[in-house]
C-alpha atoms as a PDB file:
ATOM      1  CA  MET A   1    -113.297 -90.773-123.554  1.00  0.00           C
ATOM      2  CA  THR A   2    -110.217 -88.995-124.748  1.00  0.00           C
ATOM      3  CA  SER A   3    -106.907 -88.938-122.977  1.00  0.00           C
ATOM      4  CA  ILE A   4    -107.324 -85.212-122.265  1.00  0.00           C
ATOM      5  CA  GLN A   5    -110.536 -85.845-120.321  1.00  0.00           C
ATOM      6  CA  LYS A   6    -108.851 -88.622-118.326  1.00  0.00           C
ATOM      7  CA  THR A   7    -105.939 -86.335-117.501  1.00  0.00           C
ATOM      8  CA  LEU A   8    -108.286 -83.588-116.302  1.00  0.00           C
ATOM      9  CA  ARG A   9    -110.144 -86.002-113.990  1.00  0.00           C
ATOM     10  CA  VAL A  10    -106.860 -87.257-112.521  1.00  0.00           C
ATOM     11  CA  ASN A  11    -105.677 -83.656-111.982  1.00  0.00           C
ATOM     12  CA  LYS A  12    -108.931 -82.749-110.210  1.00  0.00           C
ATOM     13  CA  GLY A  13    -108.462 -85.609-107.779  1.00  0.00           C
ATOM     14  CA  GLN A  14    -104.830 -84.724-107.204  1.00  0.00           C
ATOM     15  CA  THR A  15    -105.750 -81.098-106.501  1.00  0.00           C
ATOM     16  CA  LEU A  16    -108.367 -82.178-103.962  1.00  0.00           C
ATOM     17  CA  ILE A  17    -105.871 -84.394-102.133  1.00  0.00           C
ATOM     18  CA  GLU A  18    -103.249 -81.602-102.087  1.00  0.00           C
ATOM     19  CA  LEU A  19    -105.826 -79.144-100.749  1.00  0.00           C
ATOM     20  CA  THR A  20    -106.785 -81.631 -98.029  1.00  0.00           C
ATOM     21  CA  PHE A  21    -103.164 -81.742 -96.841  1.00  0.00           C
ATOM     22  CA  ILE A  22    -102.455 -78.008 -97.159  1.00  0.00           C
ATOM     23  CA  PHE A  23    -105.721 -76.620 -95.700  1.00  0.00           C
ATOM     24  CA  PRO A  24    -104.952 -77.434 -92.017  1.00  0.00           C
ATOM     25  CA  ILE A  25    -101.515 -75.860 -92.344  1.00  0.00           C
ATOM     26  CA  MET A  26    -102.956 -72.722 -93.912  1.00  0.00           C
ATOM     27  CA  LEU A  27    -105.638 -72.561 -91.203  1.00  0.00           C
ATOM     28  CA  ALA A  28    -103.002 -72.859 -88.456  1.00  0.00           C
ATOM     29  CA  LEU A  29    -100.985 -70.054 -90.071  1.00  0.00           C
ATOM     30  CA  LEU A  30    -104.095 -67.869 -90.231  1.00  0.00           C
ATOM     31  CA  TYR A  31    -104.912 -68.477 -86.558  1.00  0.00           C
ATOM     32  CA  GLY A  32    -101.276 -67.806 -85.649  1.00  0.00           C
ATOM     33  CA  ALA A  33    -101.324 -64.479 -87.484  1.00  0.00           C
ATOM     34  CA  ILE A  34    -104.520 -63.502 -85.673  1.00  0.00           C
ATOM     35  CA  GLU A  35    -102.972 -64.454 -82.320  1.00  0.00           C
ATOM     36  CA  VAL A  36     -99.784 -62.467 -82.973  1.00  0.00           C
ATOM     37  CA  GLY A  37    -101.900 -59.452 -83.896  1.00  0.00           C
ATOM     38  CA  SER A  38    -103.849 -59.819 -80.662  1.00  0.00           C
ATOM     39  CA  VAL A  39    -100.631 -60.042 -78.596  1.00  0.00           C
ATOM     40  CA  ILE A  40     -99.232 -56.899 -80.202  1.00  0.00           C
ATOM     41  CA  SER A  41    -102.501 -55.020 -79.741  1.00  0.00           C
ATOM     42  CA  ASP A  42    -102.744 -55.942 -76.044  1.00  0.00           C
ATOM     43  CA  TYR A  43     -99.097 -55.017 -75.391  1.00  0.00           C
ATOM     44  CA  LEU A  44     -99.484 -51.625 -77.080  1.00  0.00           C
ATOM     45  CA  THR A  45    -102.659 -51.001 -75.073  1.00  0.00           C
ATOM     46  CA  LEU A  46    -100.793 -51.700 -71.825  1.00  0.00           C
ATOM     47  CA  THR A  47     -97.843 -49.499 -72.787  1.00  0.00           C
ATOM     48  CA  SER A  48    -100.192 -46.625 -73.584  1.00  0.00           C
ATOM     49  CA  THR A  49    -102.054 -47.253 -70.322  1.00  0.00           C
ATOM     50  CA  THR A  50     -98.954 -46.851 -68.167  1.00  0.00           C
ATOM     51  CA  ARG A  51     -97.891 -43.659 -69.946  1.00  0.00           C
ATOM     52  CA  GLU A  52    -101.286 -42.032 -69.677  1.00  0.00           C
ATOM     53  CA  GLY A  53    -101.712 -42.994 -66.033  1.00  0.00           C
ATOM     54  CA  ALA A  54     -98.324 -41.620 -64.985  1.00  0.00           C
ATOM     55  CA  ASN A  55     -98.892 -38.494 -67.080  1.00  0.00           C
ATOM     56  CA  LEU A  56    -102.300 -37.828 -65.513  1.00  0.00           C
ATOM     57  CA  THR A  57    -101.084 -38.251 -61.930  1.00  0.00           C
ATOM     58  CA  SER A  58     -97.972 -36.146 -62.508  1.00  0.00           C
ATOM     59  CA  ARG A  59    -100.230 -33.277 -63.611  1.00  0.00           C
ATOM     60  CA  GLY A  60    -102.348 -33.367 -60.470  1.00  0.00           C
ATOM     61  CA  THR A  61    -105.173 -35.774 -61.305  1.00  0.00           C
ATOM     62  CA  PRO A  62    -106.079 -37.760 -58.183  1.00  0.00           C
ATOM     63  CA  PRO A  63    -104.555 -41.257 -58.529  1.00  0.00           C
ATOM     64  CA  ARG A  64    -107.871 -43.114 -58.090  1.00  0.00           C
ATOM     65  CA  THR A  65    -109.454 -40.975 -60.833  1.00  0.00           C
ATOM     66  CA  ALA A  66    -106.461 -41.591 -63.116  1.00  0.00           C
ATOM     67  CA  LEU A  67    -106.620 -45.360 -62.564  1.00  0.00           C
ATOM     68  CA  ASP A  68    -110.342 -45.404 -63.328  1.00  0.00           C
ATOM     69  CA  ALA A  69    -109.716 -43.426 -66.517  1.00  0.00           C
ATOM     70  CA  ILE A  70    -106.956 -45.694 -67.789  1.00  0.00           C
ATOM     71  CA  GLU A  71    -108.968 -48.817 -66.993  1.00  0.00           C
ATOM     72  CA  LEU A  72    -111.776 -47.470 -69.169  1.00  0.00           C
ATOM     73  CA  ALA A  73    -109.325 -46.511 -71.912  1.00  0.00           C
ATOM     74  CA  ALA A  74    -107.691 -49.967 -71.892  1.00  0.00           C
ATOM     75  CA  ALA A  75    -110.949 -51.829 -72.470  1.00  0.00           C
ATOM     76  CA  PRO A  76    -111.508 -54.551 -73.632  1.00  0.00           C
ATOM     77  CA  THR A  77    -108.020 -55.752 -72.603  1.00  0.00           C
ATOM     78  CA  ILE A  78    -108.584 -54.616 -69.011  1.00  0.00           C
ATOM     79  CA  ARG A  79    -112.144 -54.967 -67.763  1.00  0.00           C
ATOM     80  CA  SER A  80    -114.005 -55.780 -64.578  1.00  0.00           C
ATOM     81  CA  THR A  81    -114.825 -59.308 -65.760  1.00  0.00           C
ATOM     82  CA  ASN A  82    -111.153 -60.375 -66.078  1.00  0.00           C
ATOM     83  CA  LYS A  83    -109.624 -58.820 -62.929  1.00  0.00           C
ATOM     84  CA  ALA A  84    -107.730 -62.062 -62.227  1.00  0.00           C
ATOM     85  CA  GLN A  85    -105.671 -61.410 -65.388  1.00  0.00           C
ATOM     86  CA  TRP A  86    -104.372 -57.914 -64.595  1.00  0.00           C
ATOM     87  CA  ARG A  87    -103.033 -55.601 -61.923  1.00  0.00           C
ATOM     88  CA  ILE A  88    -102.390 -51.862 -62.074  1.00  0.00           C
ATOM     89  CA  ILE A  89    -100.201 -50.342 -59.368  1.00  0.00           C
ATOM     90  CA  TYR A  90     -99.861 -46.601 -58.833  1.00  0.00           C
ATOM     91  CA  SER A  91     -96.921 -45.538 -56.633  1.00  0.00           C
ATOM     92  CA  LYS A  92     -96.073 -42.071 -55.345  1.00  0.00           C
ATOM     93  CA  ILE A  93     -92.326 -41.820 -54.798  1.00  0.00           C
ATOM     94  CA  ILE A  94     -90.792 -39.067 -52.676  1.00  0.00           C
ATOM     95  CA  GLN A  95     -87.350 -38.207 -51.370  1.00  0.00           C
ATOM     96  CA  ASN A  96     -86.805 -40.158 -48.157  1.00  0.00           C
ATOM     97  CA  PRO A  97     -87.018 -37.547 -45.342  1.00  0.00           C
ATOM     98  CA  ASP A  98     -84.975 -39.800 -43.035  1.00  0.00           C
ATOM     99  CA  ILE A  99     -81.895 -39.696 -45.278  1.00  0.00           C
ATOM    100  CA  PRO A 100     -80.514 -36.201 -45.999  1.00  0.00           C
ATOM    101  CA  CYS A 101     -79.553 -35.127 -49.504  1.00  0.00           C
ATOM    102  CA  PRO A 102     -76.990 -34.126 -50.771  1.00  0.00           C
ATOM    103  CA  PRO A 103     -74.878 -36.081 -51.440  1.00  0.00           C
ATOM    104  CA  LYS A 104     -76.476 -37.153 -54.674  1.00  0.00           C
ATOM    105  CA  PRO A 105     -78.052 -39.453 -55.558  1.00  0.00           C
ATOM    106  CA  CYS A 106     -80.809 -38.810 -53.061  1.00  0.00           C
ATOM    107  CA  THR A 107     -82.656 -41.741 -51.548  1.00  0.00           C
ATOM    108  CA  TYR A 108     -86.288 -42.064 -52.554  1.00  0.00           C
ATOM    109  CA  LYS A 109     -89.037 -44.167 -51.049  1.00  0.00           C
ATOM    110  CA  VAL A 110     -92.525 -45.326 -51.951  1.00  0.00           C
ATOM    111  CA  GLU A 111     -94.841 -43.023 -50.010  1.00  0.00           C
ATOM    112  CA  SER A 112     -98.172 -44.501 -51.098  1.00  0.00           C
ATOM    113  CA  GLN A 113     -99.677 -47.025 -53.485  1.00  0.00           C
ATOM    114  CA  ILE A 114    -103.045 -47.791 -54.995  1.00  0.00           C
ATOM    115  CA  VAL A 115    -103.545 -51.273 -56.403  1.00  0.00           C
ATOM    116  CA  ASP A 116    -106.345 -52.473 -58.641  1.00  0.00           C
ATOM    117  CA  GLY A 117    -106.889 -55.892 -60.194  1.00  0.00           C
ATOM    118  CA  ASP A 118    -106.521 -59.364 -58.726  1.00  0.00           C
ATOM    119  CA  PHE A 119    -103.429 -60.648 -60.555  1.00  0.00           C
ATOM    120  CA  THR A 120    -100.914 -61.794 -57.951  1.00  0.00           C
ATOM    121  CA  GLN A 121     -97.853 -59.704 -58.822  1.00  0.00           C
ATOM    122  CA  ASN A 122     -96.287 -57.098 -56.548  1.00  0.00           C
ATOM    123  CA  SER A 123     -94.717 -53.793 -57.508  1.00  0.00           C
ATOM    124  CA  LYS A 124     -91.179 -54.065 -58.839  1.00  0.00           C
ATOM    125  CA  LEU A 125     -90.509 -50.670 -57.260  1.00  0.00           C
ATOM    126  CA  GLY A 126     -91.253 -51.960 -53.775  1.00  0.00           C
ATOM    127  CA  ALA A 127     -93.911 -51.690 -51.094  1.00  0.00           C
ATOM    128  CA  VAL A 128     -94.958 -48.567 -49.172  1.00  0.00           C
ATOM    129  CA  GLY A 129     -91.982 -47.406 -47.097  1.00  0.00           C
ATOM    130  CA  ASP A 130     -89.357 -49.229 -49.202  1.00  0.00           C
ATOM    131  CA  ASN A 131     -86.423 -47.299 -50.625  1.00  0.00           C
ATOM    132  CA  VAL A 132     -86.493 -47.150 -54.427  1.00  0.00           C
ATOM    133  CA  THR A 133     -83.345 -47.990 -56.348  1.00  0.00           C
ATOM    134  CA  VAL A 134     -84.681 -48.918 -59.789  1.00  0.00           C
ATOM    135  CA  ILE A 135     -85.292 -45.479 -61.301  1.00  0.00           C
ATOM    136  CA  SER A 136     -82.650 -44.960 -63.978  1.00  0.00           C
ATOM    137  CA  GLY A 137     -80.960 -41.563 -64.017  1.00  0.00           C
ATOM    138  CA  ILE A 138     -81.954 -40.782 -60.442  1.00  0.00           C
ATOM    139  CA  GLY A 139     -78.455 -39.438 -59.772  1.00  0.00           C
ATOM    140  CA  SER A 140     -79.159 -36.435 -61.996  1.00  0.00           C
ATOM    141  CA  ILE A 141     -82.452 -35.558 -60.273  1.00  0.00           C
ATOM    142  CA  ASP A 142     -82.617 -32.518 -58.026  1.00  0.00           C
ATOM    143  CA  PRO A 143     -83.480 -33.128 -54.371  1.00  0.00           C
ATOM    144  CA  GLY A 144     -87.139 -32.921 -53.373  1.00  0.00           C
ATOM    145  CA  GLN A 145     -88.644 -34.294 -56.583  1.00  0.00           C
ATOM    146  CA  THR A 146     -91.826 -36.355 -56.470  1.00  0.00           C
ATOM    147  CA  PHE A 147     -92.397 -39.195 -58.913  1.00  0.00           C
ATOM    148  CA  HIS A 148     -95.575 -40.911 -60.066  1.00  0.00           C
ATOM    149  CA  ALA A 149     -95.223 -44.485 -61.310  1.00  0.00           C
ATOM    150  CA  VAL A 150     -97.793 -46.712 -62.944  1.00  0.00           C
ATOM    151  CA  GLU A 151     -97.040 -50.400 -63.348  1.00  0.00           C
ATOM    152  CA  VAL A 152     -99.278 -52.796 -65.264  1.00  0.00           C
ATOM    153  CA  TYR A 153     -99.197 -56.583 -65.191  1.00  0.00           C
ATOM    154  CA  TYR A 154    -101.320 -58.547 -67.613  1.00  0.00           C
ATOM    155  CA  ASP A 155    -101.598 -62.306 -67.965  1.00  0.00           C
ATOM    156  CA  TYR A 156    -102.320 -62.796 -71.643  1.00  0.00           C
ATOM    157  CA  ALA A 157    -104.702 -65.636 -72.403  1.00  0.00           C
ATOM    158  CA  PRO A 158    -104.473 -66.657 -76.061  1.00  0.00           C
ATOM    159  CA  ASP A 159    -107.828 -66.684 -77.807  1.00  0.00           C
ATOM    160  CA  VAL A 160    -107.203 -69.058 -80.668  1.00  0.00           C
ATOM    161  CA  MET A 161    -104.178 -71.275 -80.145  1.00  0.00           C
ATOM    162  CA  THR A 162    -104.507 -71.733 -76.410  1.00  0.00           C
ATOM    163  CA  TYR A 163    -101.921 -74.404 -75.769  1.00  0.00           C
ATOM    164  CA  VAL A 164     -99.492 -73.658 -78.584  1.00  0.00           C
ATOM    165  CA  GLY A 165     -99.785 -69.892 -78.148  1.00  0.00           C
ATOM    166  CA  SER A 166     -99.087 -70.042 -74.428  1.00  0.00           C
ATOM    167  CA  ARG A 167     -95.942 -72.105 -75.069  1.00  0.00           C
ATOM    168  CA  LEU A 168     -94.554 -69.877 -77.812  1.00  0.00           C
ATOM    169  CA  ILE A 169     -94.935 -66.476 -76.133  1.00  0.00           C
ATOM    170  CA  ASN A 170     -94.308 -65.068 -72.683  1.00  0.00           C
ATOM    171  CA  THR A 171     -97.856 -64.719 -71.433  1.00  0.00           C
ATOM    172  CA  THR A 172     -97.211 -62.280 -68.570  1.00  0.00           C
ATOM    173  CA  PHE A 173     -96.736 -58.706 -69.757  1.00  0.00           C
ATOM    174  CA  TYR A 174     -95.240 -55.995 -67.559  1.00  0.00           C
ATOM    175  CA  ASP A 175     -94.853 -52.321 -68.311  1.00  0.00           C
ATOM    176  CA  ARG A 176     -93.928 -49.370 -66.141  1.00  0.00           C
ATOM    177  CA  THR A 177     -93.774 -45.614 -66.641  1.00  0.00           C
ATOM    178  CA  ILE A 178     -92.440 -43.072 -64.162  1.00  0.00           C
ATOM    179  CA  PHE A 179     -93.089 -39.344 -64.526  1.00  0.00           C
ATOM    180  CA  THR A 180     -91.637 -36.614 -62.374  1.00  0.00           C
ATOM    181  CA  ASN A 181     -94.086 -34.265 -60.742  1.00  0.00           C
ATOM    182  CA  VAL A 182     -95.327 -31.513 -63.062  1.00  0.00           C
ATOM    183  CA  SER A 183     -98.071 -29.955 -60.946  1.00  0.00           C
ATOM    184  CA  GLY A 184     -96.023 -29.143 -57.844  1.00  0.00           C
ATOM    185  CA  THR A 185     -98.119 -31.411 -55.588  1.00  0.00           C
END
């Protein structure tokens, strides 16, 4: 056997050992890339969901119909089989009739809410009857405006790297969109 053949056999063994050490690292990187893609996809789905829901209700679609439509559009992220992972909150916000306006800014309150999903988060805007103070730019709004807000909470459950993924990323997503009334209702 020549020295070239011996060298090739030694190199084959060395390559196999190197592959054995590198393969788990490469596999973890692949799973991590898949998980990051899934996180981004779910977050973009939720952002789109809040915009569409607030847009629909501001144009006169009944809130229950709008929530049903956005739940269908957000599938498979939001579905009836994972209700414990998500909550969608629709809030109708009106000028508080008990507090006169002007002076600006007017005081607004949550007139009504519709909640769907079993995730245990409450609206960051407040409960029915609460005054709303978290709408940016409310000082420039004319008196008598009606607002439609859609808030979405989602508890992300990593698919691949369950323990590591849940420690590296914030697993509770929140998004909110508020539209002023377009339809006059």
